[in-house]
Amino acid sequence: MSNKQVHLKKDTEIKTTVVYPATEKHLQKYLSRSVYLIQETGEDYKNITLPFIESQSISIQWVYNILEKKAEADRIVYENPDPINGFVLIPDFKWNQKQV
């Protein structure tokens, strides 16, 4: 085993995960995967996605709480109030809000 030093500029942030010894499960988790982009029309949402969501026994009240500013209002990064295409952007709890 050898040692290696790496020098980075002060303002550079790197996040890394080291897994040793790595099992096959670990390798599969971090290997590159195909990426899929699915475009959903309003009709698709109404006829496929929404019925599926409604059939699940999960609560999405937390989403409505954010949209109605009953929760997480202080964490809103950006909000587009457009009634058709609007959205709210809130950082993930795992994000340190420094790395982009």
Protein backbone atom coordinates (compact mmCIF):
# COMPACT_ATOMS: atom_id res chain seq x y z
CA MET A 1 0.00 0.00 0.00
CA SER A 2 1.28 3.48 -0.80
CA ASN A 3 0.40 6.94 0.44
CA LYS A 4 -0.58 9.76 -1.85
CA GLN A 5 -0.99 13.44 -1.11
CA VAL A 6 -3.39 15.62 -3.01
CA HIS A 7 -3.34 19.40 -2.72
CA LEU A 8 -6.47 21.32 -3.58
CA LYS A 9 -7.31 24.99 -3.65
CA LYS A 10 -8.86 26.15 -0.38
CA ASP A 11 -12.31 26.84 -1.80
CA THR A 12 -12.63 23.43 -3.44
CA GLU A 13 -14.99 21.01 -1.76
CA ILE A 14 -14.98 17.35 -2.61
CA LYS A 15 -17.29 14.81 -1.10
CA THR A 16 -16.22 11.20 -1.36
CA THR A 17 -17.28 7.84 -0.04
CA VAL A 18 -14.73 5.13 0.63
CA VAL A 19 -16.01 1.60 1.11
CA TYR A 20 -13.49 -1.04 2.10
CA PRO A 21 -13.78 -3.88 1.65
CA ALA A 22 -16.36 -3.38 -1.08
CA THR A 23 -18.85 -6.13 -1.71
CA GLU A 24 -20.56 -6.82 -5.02
CA LYS A 25 -23.60 -4.96 -3.65
CA HIS A 26 -21.44 -1.87 -3.02
CA LEU A 27 -19.96 -2.05 -6.51
CA GLN A 28 -23.38 -2.26 -8.14
CA LYS A 29 -24.57 0.72 -6.11
CA TYR A 30 -21.80 3.00 -7.37
CA LEU A 31 -21.31 1.78 -10.95
CA SER A 32 -22.57 3.90 -13.82
CA ARG A 33 -26.12 3.23 -14.84
CA SER A 34 -28.27 4.12 -17.79
CA VAL A 35 -30.26 7.28 -17.32
CA TYR A 36 -33.85 7.51 -18.48
CA LEU A 37 -35.85 10.65 -19.09
CA ILE A 38 -39.59 10.17 -19.10
CA GLN A 39 -41.76 12.97 -20.38
CA GLU A 40 -45.26 12.89 -19.02
CA THR A 41 -48.16 14.75 -20.55
CA GLY A 42 -50.98 16.16 -18.46
CA GLU A 43 -53.19 13.41 -19.86
CA ASP A 44 -50.64 10.74 -18.83
CA TYR A 45 -50.51 12.19 -15.34
CA LYS A 46 -54.30 12.26 -15.04
CA ASN A 47 -54.84 8.74 -16.41
CA ILE A 48 -51.77 6.86 -15.15
CA THR A 49 -49.75 8.61 -12.47
CA LEU A 50 -52.50 10.20 -10.38
CA PRO A 51 -54.57 6.99 -10.08
CA PHE A 52 -51.42 5.14 -9.02
CA ILE A 53 -50.57 7.75 -6.38
CA GLU A 54 -54.13 7.73 -5.08
CA SER A 55 -54.14 3.93 -4.86
CA GLN A 56 -51.09 3.90 -2.59
CA SER A 57 -51.47 4.15 1.14
CA ILE A 58 -48.92 6.95 1.43
CA SER A 59 -49.48 10.45 2.67
CA ILE A 60 -48.39 13.35 0.52
CA GLN A 61 -49.73 15.91 2.96
CA TRP A 62 -46.15 17.10 3.50
CA VAL A 63 -46.12 18.31 -0.14
CA TYR A 64 -49.29 20.34 0.37
CA ASN A 65 -47.87 21.71 3.64
CA ILE A 66 -44.85 23.03 1.72
CA LEU A 67 -46.94 24.46 -1.11
CA GLU A 68 -49.27 26.17 1.37
CA LYS A 69 -46.27 27.38 3.42
CA LYS A 70 -47.43 25.54 6.53
CA ALA A 71 -44.00 23.88 6.67
CA GLU A 72 -40.49 24.58 5.36
CA ALA A 73 -41.36 28.17 4.38
CA ASP A 74 -38.02 29.42 5.74
CA ARG A 75 -36.13 26.96 3.50
CA ILE A 76 -37.63 28.04 0.17
CA VAL A 77 -34.80 28.90 -2.22
CA TYR A 78 -37.00 29.90 -5.14
CA GLU A 79 -40.69 30.00 -5.88
CA ASN A 80 -42.47 30.47 -9.18
CA PRO A 81 -46.11 31.27 -8.32
CA ASP A 82 -47.43 30.68 -11.85
CA PRO A 83 -50.76 28.81 -11.39
CA ILE A 84 -50.01 26.39 -14.24
CA ASN A 85 -46.24 25.91 -14.35
CA GLY A 86 -45.25 27.18 -10.91
CA PHE A 87 -43.02 25.31 -8.50
CA VAL A 88 -41.18 25.62 -5.19
CA LEU A 89 -37.47 24.83 -4.84
CA ILE A 90 -36.32 23.60 -1.42
CA PRO A 91 -32.86 22.12 -0.71
CA ASP A 92 -32.53 18.46 0.16
CA PHE A 93 -31.65 17.85 3.82
CA LYS A 94 -28.49 16.04 2.68
CA TRP A 95 -27.25 19.05 0.67
CA ASN A 96 -24.83 21.36 2.47
CA GLN A 97 -26.02 24.26 0.25
CA LYS A 98 -22.43 24.93 -0.85
CA GLN A 99 -21.73 22.30 -3.47
CA VAL A 100 -23.50 22.70 -6.78
